[in-house]
Amino acid sequence: MIPEDRRKPRDPAQTPAQAGAPIPEVVDRRVGIDRRDLPGETTDPTNLERRRGPGRRLTDFVKTAEEGEMNREQYLFLLAIDAFKRVNHKTFPSWTDVLEIIRKLGYRKTMPSELNLGSRATDWTEKGNVPSGVNKPAEQREE
């Protein structure tokens, strides 16, 4: 005959003292304050919010990309990122790498920012025909 304590399977990670311990309560993570209702979210918009709610719809730019229909600009960017990853044997490019790719594609900061990034960020513009400055040594770059 098998002893009664061996009839029930027990978790091998548990010690005998833990096997008899009460099971902790389960806490539902959905109970509590919804982060979308926090006051900081609505009082200081950055113009980067992607969450939709009542009255907020996707822009055509985002909607077509999410549906798999890219415009020429999106497709060119995707090809440039893919080529960078292949050539440099990187699965995940850093943000500095992404900025380098964007600059090499010909993008320049020619207009004031439409984003509200707070007082930490200083906005600037540059001429559209300046070189990217990506491959120059640090001492030759214009800051």
Protein backbone atom coordinates (compact mmCIF):
# COMPACT_ATOMS: atom_id res chain seq x y z
CA MET A 1 0.00 0.00 0.00
CA ILE A 2 1.21 3.53 -0.90
CA PRO A 3 1.39 5.99 1.98
CA GLU A 4 -1.23 8.75 1.73
CA ASP A 5 1.31 11.60 1.40
CA ARG A 6 2.72 9.98 -1.76
CA ARG A 7 -0.61 9.62 -3.55
CA LYS A 8 -0.84 13.31 -4.42
CA PRO A 9 1.76 14.65 -6.86
CA ARG A 10 3.80 17.44 -5.42
CA ASP A 11 5.81 20.19 -7.12
CA PRO A 12 9.48 19.09 -7.05
CA ALA A 13 10.57 22.71 -6.50
CA GLN A 14 8.69 22.84 -3.19
CA THR A 15 10.29 21.79 0.05
CA PRO A 16 8.18 19.69 2.45
CA ALA A 17 7.64 22.79 4.60
CA GLN A 18 6.33 24.71 1.58
CA ALA A 19 4.05 21.88 0.50
CA GLY A 20 1.87 22.42 3.55
CA ALA A 21 2.04 26.22 3.41
CA PRO A 22 -1.11 28.14 2.46
CA ILE A 23 -1.41 29.17 -1.20
CA PRO A 24 -0.87 32.92 -1.65
CA GLU A 25 -3.77 35.00 -2.96
CA VAL A 26 -3.87 35.84 -6.64
CA VAL A 27 -3.88 39.57 -7.37
CA ASP A 28 -5.68 40.75 -10.49
CA ARG A 29 -3.41 43.26 -12.26
CA ARG A 30 -6.46 44.86 -13.88
CA VAL A 31 -7.65 46.16 -10.53
CA GLY A 32 -6.40 49.63 -9.71
CA ILE A 33 -5.70 52.85 -11.52
CA ASP A 34 -5.66 52.75 -15.29
CA ARG A 35 -2.47 54.44 -16.53
CA ARG A 36 -4.46 56.10 -19.33
CA ASP A 37 -6.44 57.98 -16.68
CA LEU A 38 -3.38 59.47 -14.99
CA PRO A 39 -3.40 63.28 -15.06
CA GLY A 40 0.12 63.66 -16.51
CA GLU A 41 -0.91 61.89 -19.69
CA THR A 42 -3.53 64.44 -20.69
CA THR A 43 -1.99 67.65 -19.34
CA ASP A 44 1.34 67.44 -21.22
CA PRO A 45 0.80 65.93 -24.69
CA THR A 46 3.91 65.35 -26.81
CA ASN A 47 2.18 64.83 -30.18
CA LEU A 48 3.51 61.25 -30.13
CA GLU A 49 0.46 59.59 -28.59
CA ARG A 50 -0.58 56.50 -30.54
CA ARG A 51 -3.35 55.25 -28.24
CA ARG A 52 -6.77 55.73 -29.64
CA GLY A 53 -9.87 56.54 -27.74
CA PRO A 54 -13.20 58.09 -28.53
CA GLY A 55 -12.76 60.56 -31.38
CA ARG A 56 -9.14 59.58 -32.16
CA ARG A 57 -8.61 57.76 -35.41
CA LEU A 58 -5.48 56.51 -37.12
CA THR A 59 -3.94 58.81 -39.67
CA ASP A 60 -3.86 57.56 -43.25
CA PHE A 61 -0.05 57.41 -42.96
CA VAL A 62 -0.23 54.93 -40.04
CA LYS A 63 -3.33 53.09 -41.19
CA THR A 64 -1.95 52.10 -44.58
CA ALA A 65 1.34 50.95 -43.05
CA GLU A 66 -0.45 48.80 -40.46
CA GLU A 67 -2.56 47.25 -43.20
CA GLY A 68 0.59 46.29 -45.10
CA GLU A 69 0.39 48.97 -47.77
CA MET A 70 3.49 51.13 -47.54
CA ASN A 71 4.11 54.31 -49.43
CA ARG A 72 7.45 54.89 -51.21
CA GLU A 73 8.99 56.67 -48.21
CA GLN A 74 8.13 53.87 -45.78
CA TYR A 75 9.34 51.20 -48.21
CA LEU A 76 12.64 52.98 -48.84
CA PHE A 77 13.21 53.31 -45.07
CA LEU A 78 12.45 49.61 -44.58
CA LEU A 79 14.92 48.66 -47.33
CA ALA A 80 17.61 50.92 -45.84
CA ILE A 81 17.18 49.41 -42.35
CA ASP A 82 17.25 45.90 -43.81
CA ALA A 83 20.42 46.62 -45.82
CA PHE A 84 22.12 48.11 -42.73
CA LYS A 85 21.27 45.00 -40.67
CA ARG A 86 22.57 42.67 -43.39
CA VAL A 87 25.83 44.57 -44.04
CA ASN A 88 26.65 45.09 -40.35
CA HIS A 89 25.42 41.68 -39.12
CA LYS A 90 23.10 43.33 -36.59
CA THR A 91 19.67 42.00 -35.76
CA PHE A 92 18.68 45.08 -33.77
CA PRO A 93 20.20 48.43 -34.79
CA SER A 94 20.69 50.99 -32.02
CA TRP A 95 18.89 54.34 -32.13
CA THR A 96 22.17 55.95 -33.19
CA ASP A 97 22.31 53.49 -36.09
CA VAL A 98 18.73 54.37 -37.07
CA LEU A 99 19.54 58.10 -37.00
CA GLU A 100 22.64 57.45 -39.16
CA ILE A 101 20.48 55.60 -41.71
CA ILE A 102 17.92 58.42 -41.74
CA ARG A 103 20.65 61.03 -42.29
CA LYS A 104 22.21 58.94 -45.10
CA LEU A 105 18.79 58.67 -46.76
CA GLY A 106 18.95 62.47 -47.11
CA TYR A 107 16.74 63.60 -44.25
CA ARG A 108 17.73 66.87 -42.57
CA LYS A 109 16.13 68.92 -39.80
CA THR A 110 14.87 71.81 -41.92
CA MET A 111 11.68 72.69 -40.02
CA PRO A 112 10.80 73.39 -36.40
CA SER A 113 9.67 70.35 -34.43
CA GLU A 114 5.97 69.52 -34.14
CA LEU A 115 6.66 67.62 -30.90
CA ASN A 116 6.41 68.90 -27.35
CA LEU A 117 9.46 67.34 -25.67
CA GLY A 118 9.59 69.74 -22.74
CA SER A 119 12.31 72.11 -21.65
CA ARG A 120 15.05 69.44 -21.82
CA ALA A 121 15.18 69.52 -25.61
CA THR A 122 16.46 72.44 -27.67
CA ASP A 123 15.04 72.66 -31.17
CA TRP A 124 17.14 73.69 -34.19
CA THR A 125 17.01 73.65 -37.98
CA GLU A 126 19.65 73.22 -40.65
CA LYS A 127 19.88 73.80 -44.38
CA GLY A 128 18.51 71.02 -46.52
CA ASN A 129 21.60 70.66 -48.68
CA VAL A 130 24.19 70.06 -45.93
CA PRO A 131 26.10 66.75 -45.90
CA SER A 132 24.97 64.14 -43.38
CA GLY A 133 28.16 64.43 -41.33
CA VAL A 134 27.82 60.78 -40.32
CA ASN A 135 31.18 59.46 -41.55
CA LYS A 136 33.25 62.45 -40.42
CA PRO A 137 35.51 62.18 -37.38
CA ALA A 138 34.04 63.90 -34.30
CA GLU A 139 36.44 66.87 -34.46
CA GLN A 140 35.31 67.76 -38.02
CA ARG A 141 31.56 67.71 -37.32
CA GLU A 142 29.66 70.95 -36.82
CA GLU A 143 27.67 70.91 -33.58
